[in-house]
Amino acid sequence: MTLPETHLHYRATTRPCEVPPEVPPWGWTAPWGNFASLVTTYVNASGALGPCLAHPRPLLVGAAMTAATAVCGASFLLGHAAGTTLRLDRGGR
């Protein structure tokens, strides 16, 4: 097999290349971004935990508990609704 003239220079100067490893469609930034977000969240929480426990603010604690309850409750309700809509069996009973 012969190469066209425009590729003769490349043929003489390039080395055989290896196939690069498979890269996920989102690249490598998404997993590292998730890890960095997790680390940042825990560092922030560990720095704020001491003052919150030393001088608790009932309104802030109540708001945090309400938000956590609402988010968890919504996820369970949406999961139950999705299972009912898709007519899935109840698992593990």
C-alpha atoms as a PDB file:
ATOM      1  CA  MET A   1       0.000   0.000   0.000  1.00  0.00           C
ATOM      2  CA  THR A   2       1.391   3.379  -0.921  1.00  0.00           C
ATOM      3  CA  LEU A   3       0.480   6.669   0.670  1.00  0.00           C
ATOM      4  CA  PRO A   4      -0.258   9.852  -1.248  1.00  0.00           C
ATOM      5  CA  GLU A   5       2.602  12.338  -1.577  1.00  0.00           C
ATOM      6  CA  THR A   6       1.180  14.607   1.083  1.00  0.00           C
ATOM      7  CA  HIS A   7       1.603  11.863   3.664  1.00  0.00           C
ATOM      8  CA  LEU A   8       5.163  10.854   2.825  1.00  0.00           C
ATOM      9  CA  HIS A   9       6.627  13.205   5.420  1.00  0.00           C
ATOM     10  CA  TYR A  10       4.391  11.805   8.150  1.00  0.00           C
ATOM     11  CA  ARG A  11       5.157   8.260   7.125  1.00  0.00           C
ATOM     12  CA  ALA A  12       8.858   8.862   7.584  1.00  0.00           C
ATOM     13  CA  THR A  13       8.633  10.695  10.902  1.00  0.00           C
ATOM     14  CA  THR A  14       5.855   9.090  12.934  1.00  0.00           C
ATOM     15  CA  ARG A  15       6.253   6.143  15.223  1.00  0.00           C
ATOM     16  CA  PRO A  16       3.640   3.432  15.539  1.00  0.00           C
ATOM     17  CA  CYS A  17       1.083   4.723  17.991  1.00  0.00           C
ATOM     18  CA  GLU A  18      -0.873   2.816  20.559  1.00  0.00           C
ATOM     19  CA  VAL A  19      -4.629   3.033  20.797  1.00  0.00           C
ATOM     20  CA  PRO A  20      -5.518   5.332  23.715  1.00  0.00           C
ATOM     21  CA  PRO A  21      -7.578   3.824  26.541  1.00  0.00           C
ATOM     22  CA  GLU A  22     -11.338   4.120  26.317  1.00  0.00           C
ATOM     23  CA  VAL A  23     -12.526   7.470  27.629  1.00  0.00           C
ATOM     24  CA  PRO A  24     -16.101   7.691  28.918  1.00  0.00           C
ATOM     25  CA  PRO A  25     -18.393  10.041  26.969  1.00  0.00           C
ATOM     26  CA  TRP A  26     -18.376  12.575  29.821  1.00  0.00           C
ATOM     27  CA  GLY A  27     -14.565  12.542  29.984  1.00  0.00           C
ATOM     28  CA  TRP A  28     -12.710  12.316  33.267  1.00  0.00           C
ATOM     29  CA  THR A  29     -13.980  15.606  34.681  1.00  0.00           C
ATOM     30  CA  ALA A  30     -17.326  14.328  36.003  1.00  0.00           C
ATOM     31  CA  PRO A  31     -15.912  11.729  38.460  1.00  0.00           C
ATOM     32  CA  TRP A  32     -13.226  14.142  39.680  1.00  0.00           C
ATOM     33  CA  GLY A  33     -15.801  16.934  39.953  1.00  0.00           C
ATOM     34  CA  ASN A  34     -18.038  14.716  42.086  1.00  0.00           C
ATOM     35  CA  PHE A  35     -15.103  13.785  44.315  1.00  0.00           C
ATOM     36  CA  ALA A  36     -14.056  17.436  44.700  1.00  0.00           C
ATOM     37  CA  SER A  37     -17.644  18.424  45.525  1.00  0.00           C
ATOM     38  CA  LEU A  38     -17.864  15.705  48.166  1.00  0.00           C
ATOM     39  CA  VAL A  39     -14.565  16.722  49.762  1.00  0.00           C
ATOM     40  CA  THR A  40     -15.532  20.400  49.739  1.00  0.00           C
ATOM     41  CA  THR A  41     -18.889  19.616  51.353  1.00  0.00           C
ATOM     42  CA  TYR A  42     -17.326  17.596  54.168  1.00  0.00           C
ATOM     43  CA  VAL A  43     -14.581  20.138  54.798  1.00  0.00           C
ATOM     44  CA  ASN A  44     -17.190  22.896  54.986  1.00  0.00           C
ATOM     45  CA  ALA A  45     -19.409  20.830  57.299  1.00  0.00           C
ATOM     46  CA  SER A  46     -16.538  19.897  59.607  1.00  0.00           C
ATOM     47  CA  GLY A  47     -15.541  23.555  59.922  1.00  0.00           C
ATOM     48  CA  ALA A  48     -19.104  24.658  60.698  1.00  0.00           C
ATOM     49  CA  LEU A  49     -19.996  21.817  63.055  1.00  0.00           C
ATOM     50  CA  GLY A  50     -18.099  23.105  66.096  1.00  0.00           C
ATOM     51  CA  PRO A  51     -19.650  26.580  66.233  1.00  0.00           C
ATOM     52  CA  CYS A  52     -23.117  25.145  65.503  1.00  0.00           C
ATOM     53  CA  LEU A  53     -22.848  22.731  68.423  1.00  0.00           C
ATOM     54  CA  ALA A  54     -21.294  25.345  70.728  1.00  0.00           C
ATOM     55  CA  HIS A  55     -23.982  27.977  70.022  1.00  0.00           C
ATOM     56  CA  PRO A  56     -27.013  26.231  68.497  1.00  0.00           C
ATOM     57  CA  ARG A  57     -29.635  28.349  66.752  1.00  0.00           C
ATOM     58  CA  PRO A  58     -33.006  26.601  67.069  1.00  0.00           C
ATOM     59  CA  LEU A  59     -34.502  28.232  63.974  1.00  0.00           C
ATOM     60  CA  LEU A  60     -31.564  27.115  61.800  1.00  0.00           C
ATOM     61  CA  VAL A  61     -31.626  23.565  63.212  1.00  0.00           C
ATOM     62  CA  GLY A  62     -35.397  23.386  62.659  1.00  0.00           C
ATOM     63  CA  ALA A  63     -35.076  24.657  59.082  1.00  0.00           C
ATOM     64  CA  ALA A  64     -32.341  22.101  58.335  1.00  0.00           C
ATOM     65  CA  MET A  65     -34.410  19.255  59.773  1.00  0.00           C
ATOM     66  CA  THR A  66     -37.491  20.382  57.829  1.00  0.00           C
ATOM     67  CA  ALA A  67     -35.534  20.551  54.563  1.00  0.00           C
ATOM     68  CA  ALA A  68     -33.961  17.124  55.143  1.00  0.00           C
ATOM     69  CA  THR A  69     -37.346  15.584  55.980  1.00  0.00           C
ATOM     70  CA  ALA A  70     -38.949  17.136  52.896  1.00  0.00           C
ATOM     71  CA  VAL A  71     -36.200  15.928  50.538  1.00  0.00           C
ATOM     72  CA  CYS A  72     -36.177  12.386  51.944  1.00  0.00           C
ATOM     73  CA  GLY A  73     -39.967  12.187  52.024  1.00  0.00           C
ATOM     74  CA  ALA A  74     -40.247  13.437  48.446  1.00  0.00           C
ATOM     75  CA  SER A  75     -37.747  10.855  47.200  1.00  0.00           C
ATOM     76  CA  PHE A  76     -39.622   8.005  48.910  1.00  0.00           C
ATOM     77  CA  LEU A  77     -42.984   9.235  47.641  1.00  0.00           C
ATOM     78  CA  LEU A  78     -41.688   9.622  44.072  1.00  0.00           C
ATOM     79  CA  GLY A  79     -40.151   6.148  44.219  1.00  0.00           C
ATOM     80  CA  HIS A  80     -43.417   4.678  45.469  1.00  0.00           C
ATOM     81  CA  ALA A  81     -45.369   6.509  42.754  1.00  0.00           C
ATOM     82  CA  ALA A  82     -42.964   5.320  40.055  1.00  0.00           C
ATOM     83  CA  GLY A  83     -43.184   1.724  41.281  1.00  0.00           C
ATOM     84  CA  THR A  84     -46.970   1.876  41.351  1.00  0.00           C
ATOM     85  CA  THR A  85     -47.154   3.465  37.905  1.00  0.00           C
ATOM     86  CA  LEU A  86     -44.819   0.846  36.424  1.00  0.00           C
ATOM     87  CA  ARG A  87     -46.635  -1.934  38.318  1.00  0.00           C
ATOM     88  CA  LEU A  88     -43.443  -3.298  39.832  1.00  0.00           C
ATOM     89  CA  ASP A  89     -43.462  -6.042  42.469  1.00  0.00           C
ATOM     90  CA  ARG A  90     -42.604  -5.146  46.029  1.00  0.00           C
ATOM     91  CA  GLY A  91     -39.147  -6.514  46.661  1.00  0.00           C
ATOM     92  CA  GLY A  92     -37.843  -8.340  49.715  1.00  0.00           C
ATOM     93  CA  ARG A  93     -41.062  -8.910  51.659  1.00  0.00           C
END
